[in-house]
Amino acid sequence: MDIQTLTAFFMWCTIINGFVFVFWTAFCIFAPDMLFCFHSKWFSISRETFNTVVYSFLGFFKIIFVAFSLTPFLALLIIG
């Protein structure tokens, strides 16, 4: 596999994961009540616990996104 193929792969991974992250963040900012109502029908969870879980997972996703998608893409751009 050559560098151009890897760069293209990580570029699309970064675009897709970035879109998911922005969409999820926007949904948490602009519709938190709808998100909580939707999930509270499935799970018996308090609002405080829900907020903790959602924002912790959002932070975890951001770390994973930067470490495994954005950083390799930028490294391949630099060496390519």
Protein backbone atom coordinates (compact mmCIF):
# COMPACT_ATOMS: atom_id res chain seq x y z
CA MET A 1 0.00 0.00 0.00
CA ASP A 2 1.45 3.36 -0.97
CA ILE A 3 1.38 6.68 0.89
CA GLN A 4 -1.25 8.21 -1.41
CA THR A 5 -3.69 5.40 -0.65
CA LEU A 6 -3.07 5.66 3.09
CA THR A 7 -3.43 9.43 2.95
CA ALA A 8 -6.74 9.13 1.12
CA PHE A 9 -7.94 6.52 3.60
CA PHE A 10 -7.12 8.65 6.63
CA MET A 11 -8.51 11.74 4.94
CA TRP A 12 -11.90 10.07 4.55
CA CYS A 13 -11.71 8.65 8.08
CA THR A 14 -11.05 12.15 9.37
CA ILE A 15 -13.91 13.66 7.36
CA ILE A 16 -16.42 11.01 8.41
CA ASN A 17 -15.38 10.96 12.07
CA GLY A 18 -15.26 14.76 12.14
CA PHE A 19 -18.80 14.93 10.77
CA VAL A 20 -20.01 12.44 13.38
CA PHE A 21 -18.30 14.42 16.15
CA VAL A 22 -19.72 17.79 14.99
CA PHE A 23 -23.21 16.33 14.50
CA TRP A 24 -23.19 14.66 17.92
CA THR A 25 -21.87 17.81 19.63
CA ALA A 26 -24.47 19.99 17.91
CA PHE A 27 -27.20 17.57 18.90
CA CYS A 28 -26.03 17.66 22.54
CA ILE A 29 -25.93 21.47 22.52
CA PHE A 30 -29.15 22.26 20.66
CA ALA A 31 -31.42 19.36 21.64
CA PRO A 32 -30.34 17.98 25.03
CA ASP A 33 -33.91 17.55 26.30
CA MET A 34 -34.97 15.59 23.25
CA LEU A 35 -31.87 13.41 23.56
CA PHE A 36 -32.57 12.75 27.24
CA CYS A 37 -36.26 11.97 26.65
CA PHE A 38 -35.37 9.56 23.87
CA HIS A 39 -32.85 7.67 25.97
CA SER A 40 -34.78 7.77 29.23
CA LYS A 41 -37.51 5.71 27.57
CA TRP A 42 -35.00 2.90 27.05
CA PHE A 43 -33.01 3.21 30.27
CA SER A 44 -34.01 4.33 33.74
CA ILE A 45 -31.34 6.97 34.23
CA SER A 46 -31.24 10.30 36.01
CA ARG A 47 -30.52 13.52 34.14
CA GLU A 48 -27.22 14.05 35.97
CA THR A 49 -26.01 10.53 35.16
CA PHE A 50 -27.12 10.92 31.57
CA ASN A 51 -25.19 14.17 31.20
CA THR A 52 -22.10 12.60 32.74
CA VAL A 53 -22.25 9.58 30.45
CA VAL A 54 -22.93 11.57 27.27
CA TYR A 55 -20.24 14.19 27.84
CA SER A 56 -17.70 11.60 29.01
CA PHE A 57 -18.28 9.54 25.89
CA LEU A 58 -18.09 12.70 23.76
CA GLY A 59 -14.72 13.53 25.29
CA PHE A 60 -13.53 9.95 24.80
CA PHE A 61 -14.62 10.03 21.15
CA LYS A 62 -12.73 13.30 20.65
CA ILE A 63 -9.53 11.79 22.06
CA ILE A 64 -9.90 8.69 19.89
CA PHE A 65 -10.69 10.84 16.83
CA VAL A 66 -7.58 12.97 17.28
CA ALA A 67 -5.30 10.04 18.12
CA PHE A 68 -6.39 7.53 15.48
CA SER A 69 -7.77 9.62 12.63
CA LEU A 70 -6.53 13.20 12.56
CA THR A 71 -2.95 12.63 13.74
CA PRO A 72 -2.13 9.86 11.21
CA PHE A 73 -3.66 11.96 8.42
CA LEU A 74 -1.55 14.97 9.32
CA ALA A 75 1.57 12.80 9.64
CA LEU A 76 0.98 11.33 6.20
CA LEU A 77 0.47 14.80 4.75
CA ILE A 78 3.79 15.90 6.24
CA ILE A 79 5.81 12.94 4.96
CA GLY A 80 3.96 12.71 1.64
